[in-house]
Every structure is written in C-alpha cells, then in structure tokens.
Amino acid sequence: MPLLNTRKIYKPKSYYHVYNRGARRASIFSQPKDYWRFRSIARSALRRFSGIKILSFALMHNHYHFLIYQENIDDMTRFMKTITQRYVLFFNTKYKQSGRLFESCYKARLLEEDNDVDTCQKYILNNPVDEGYSNWQHSGLDI
C-alpha cells in the first residue's frame, strides 16, 4: 500500500500542501546559505512555471512545506521536479556526496474543503514556532 500522499491527485486550478524531508530524516540544509540557495532555485523555477503560485512556505533543517496553487494539471510536477533536481545537484556537489537527499518523491495533499487552504497555511507558518524557532527567516508568504 502506498504511503499517504505519495499517490497524487492532479487537478488544474487547485491548492496543495506539498512537503518532503531528508532521507533518514537527515538535514537537507547544512548551512544558512543552503536555505538561501533553495529559495533562489524556487524563485527561478517560479519565473519559468507561471502556473505555480507559492502561498506560504517553511524550510526547516530536515524538511520543507509549501502551500501551492497550480493553474494547469502538470505545473506542480514540473516545478517540483525542477527545484528538487537542481537543489540535490547543488547539495551533493557542495558536500561531495552522491545519491539520495530526500526520503522519497515529494508528497502532495490536494486541498478540497473550504477551510483546508487556511488551515494548511496556518500549519505551515506555525511549523517553525512549533519546532522552537522564533523569528525564523525561512518561512513566510513570499519565497
């Protein structure tokens, strides 16, 4: 049986909670500059894939969350593939590693109920606080 949210339901004009974590729950951001590189890669991909909007995000030491709106059915797949591949290449080159950085392909939960988007956004924005970080600069509404 597949893990929760690994089998994705892709719909146009839809909202998703997208997340992933490091393989073996290891860190995916080893230095402060790594967070900024991931954000830069995501911003670059957003310019390329105009059908994607990131409404909120949280980058934590061993995982990330996005609240994403996709206009077209394949926008999110292409966007996530781009940022994941580019970041893994950067990370593995920088730290002279090879192989898997993330535990699996990203997970995405389709948000269909009226209050799902608001609930998800609150969850994402509170994630750093819940983990003991105050004034965390790698979460917010604008990647």
Protein backbone atom coordinates (compact mmCIF):
# COMPACT_ATOMS: atom_id res chain seq x y z
CA MET A 1 0.00 0.00 0.00
CA PRO A 2 1.47 3.41 -0.94
CA LEU A 3 2.41 5.93 1.73
CA LEU A 4 -0.03 8.72 2.44
CA ASN A 5 0.01 11.48 -0.20
CA THR A 6 2.59 9.76 -2.43
CA ARG A 7 -0.14 8.89 -4.95
CA LYS A 8 -1.04 12.33 -6.09
CA ILE A 9 -4.31 13.60 -7.49
CA TYR A 10 -3.51 16.30 -10.02
CA LYS A 11 -6.21 18.82 -10.85
CA PRO A 12 -5.99 22.17 -12.59
CA LYS A 13 -6.81 25.31 -10.60
CA SER A 14 -6.18 23.55 -7.29
CA TYR A 15 -4.36 24.04 -3.99
CA TYR A 16 -1.88 21.56 -2.49
CA HIS A 17 0.11 21.02 0.67
CA VAL A 18 3.48 19.87 -0.69
CA TYR A 19 6.21 18.56 1.61
CA ASN A 20 9.24 16.32 1.90
CA ARG A 21 12.07 15.56 4.29
CA GLY A 22 15.62 14.36 4.21
CA ALA A 23 16.47 10.71 3.73
CA ARG A 24 16.77 9.05 7.12
CA ARG A 25 15.44 12.36 8.50
CA ALA A 26 18.87 13.87 7.88
CA SER A 27 19.41 17.57 7.36
CA ILE A 28 18.73 18.95 3.89
CA PHE A 29 20.14 22.36 4.80
CA SER A 30 23.58 22.11 6.40
CA GLN A 31 24.50 25.80 6.39
CA PRO A 32 22.48 29.05 6.32
CA LYS A 33 23.48 29.65 2.69
CA ASP A 34 21.80 26.35 1.73
CA TYR A 35 18.37 27.75 2.67
CA TRP A 36 19.01 30.80 0.50
CA ARG A 37 20.10 28.62 -2.42
CA PHE A 38 16.94 26.53 -2.19
CA ARG A 39 14.86 29.72 -2.14
CA SER A 40 16.76 31.10 -5.13
CA ILE A 41 16.17 27.89 -7.08
CA ALA A 42 12.45 28.01 -6.23
CA ARG A 43 12.15 31.68 -7.27
CA SER A 44 13.89 30.92 -10.57
CA ALA A 45 11.53 28.00 -11.21
CA LEU A 46 8.51 30.19 -10.41
CA ARG A 47 9.52 32.54 -13.22
CA ARG A 48 9.73 29.56 -15.57
CA PHE A 49 6.44 27.95 -14.50
CA SER A 50 3.97 30.82 -14.37
CA GLY A 51 1.09 28.49 -13.48
CA ILE A 52 2.51 27.93 -9.98
CA LYS A 53 1.96 30.21 -7.00
CA ILE A 54 3.53 29.59 -3.60
CA LEU A 55 1.14 30.99 -1.00
CA SER A 56 3.29 30.06 2.03
CA PHE A 57 6.37 28.03 2.81
CA ALA A 58 8.55 26.79 5.66
CA LEU A 59 12.06 25.45 5.22
CA MET A 60 13.26 23.53 8.26
CA HIS A 61 16.60 21.80 8.81
CA ASN A 62 15.36 18.39 7.63
CA HIS A 63 12.11 19.11 5.78
CA TYR A 64 10.10 21.69 3.88
CA HIS A 65 6.45 22.64 3.34
CA PHE A 66 4.78 24.58 0.54
CA LEU A 67 1.20 25.71 0.07
CA ILE A 68 0.97 25.70 -3.72
CA TYR A 69 -1.70 26.73 -6.20
CA GLN A 70 -1.38 25.16 -9.64
CA GLU A 71 -3.17 26.58 -12.66
CA ASN A 72 -2.61 23.64 -15.05
CA ILE A 73 -2.65 19.92 -14.35
CA ASP A 74 1.11 19.33 -14.78
CA ASP A 75 2.53 22.61 -13.40
CA MET A 76 3.34 21.28 -9.93
CA THR A 77 5.01 18.12 -11.21
CA ARG A 78 7.29 20.11 -13.50
CA PHE A 79 8.00 22.75 -10.84
CA MET A 80 8.84 20.24 -8.10
CA LYS A 81 11.00 18.13 -10.42
CA THR A 82 12.97 21.22 -11.39
CA ILE A 83 13.63 22.52 -7.89
CA THR A 84 14.37 19.08 -6.45
CA GLN A 85 16.84 18.12 -9.16
CA ARG A 86 18.62 21.47 -9.08
CA TYR A 87 18.88 21.53 -5.28
CA VAL A 88 20.09 17.93 -4.98
CA LEU A 89 22.75 18.61 -7.62
CA PHE A 90 23.86 21.74 -5.73
CA PHE A 91 23.88 19.98 -2.33
CA ASN A 92 25.66 16.83 -3.48
CA THR A 93 28.30 18.84 -5.35
CA LYS A 94 28.88 21.23 -2.44
CA TYR A 95 29.21 18.48 0.16
CA LYS A 96 30.92 15.94 -2.14
CA GLN A 97 28.13 13.43 -1.75
CA SER A 98 26.16 11.24 -4.09
CA GLY A 99 22.79 9.61 -4.01
CA ARG A 100 19.52 10.47 -2.41
CA LEU A 101 18.99 13.63 -0.37
CA PHE A 102 15.22 13.31 0.15
CA GLU A 103 13.49 10.27 1.60
CA SER A 104 11.20 9.94 -1.43
CA CYS A 105 9.43 11.90 -4.09
CA TYR A 106 7.62 14.91 -2.63
CA LYS A 107 4.21 14.34 -1.10
CA ALA A 108 1.22 16.45 -2.10
CA ARG A 109 -2.19 16.60 -0.50
CA LEU A 110 -4.99 18.10 -2.56
CA LEU A 111 -6.86 20.71 -0.52
CA GLU A 112 -10.53 20.42 -1.45
CA GLU A 113 -12.56 21.60 1.54
CA ASP A 114 -13.39 25.29 2.02
CA ASN A 115 -11.21 25.74 5.10
CA ASP A 116 -8.33 23.45 4.01
CA VAL A 117 -6.25 26.27 2.49
CA ASP A 118 -6.47 28.47 5.62
CA THR A 119 -5.78 25.53 7.93
CA CYS A 120 -2.80 24.43 5.84
CA GLN A 121 -1.36 27.94 5.71
CA LYS A 122 -1.59 28.30 9.50
CA TYR A 123 0.06 24.90 9.93
CA ILE A 124 2.94 25.80 7.59
CA LEU A 125 3.54 29.24 9.09
CA ASN A 126 3.43 27.83 12.64
CA ASN A 127 5.79 24.94 11.84
CA PRO A 128 8.97 26.84 12.85
CA VAL A 129 7.33 28.08 16.06
CA ASP A 130 6.19 24.55 16.91
CA GLU A 131 9.79 23.38 16.49
CA GLY A 132 11.13 26.09 18.79
CA TYR A 133 12.28 28.70 16.29
CA SER A 134 11.22 32.29 16.83
CA ASN A 135 11.64 34.91 14.10
CA TRP A 136 12.52 32.17 11.61
CA GLN A 137 13.53 33.85 8.36
CA HIS A 138 12.95 30.82 6.13
CA SER A 139 9.18 30.73 6.31
CA GLY A 140 6.50 33.11 5.19
CA LEU A 141 4.32 34.13 2.29
CA ASP A 142 6.98 35.06 -0.27
CA ILE A 143 9.71 32.57 -1.11
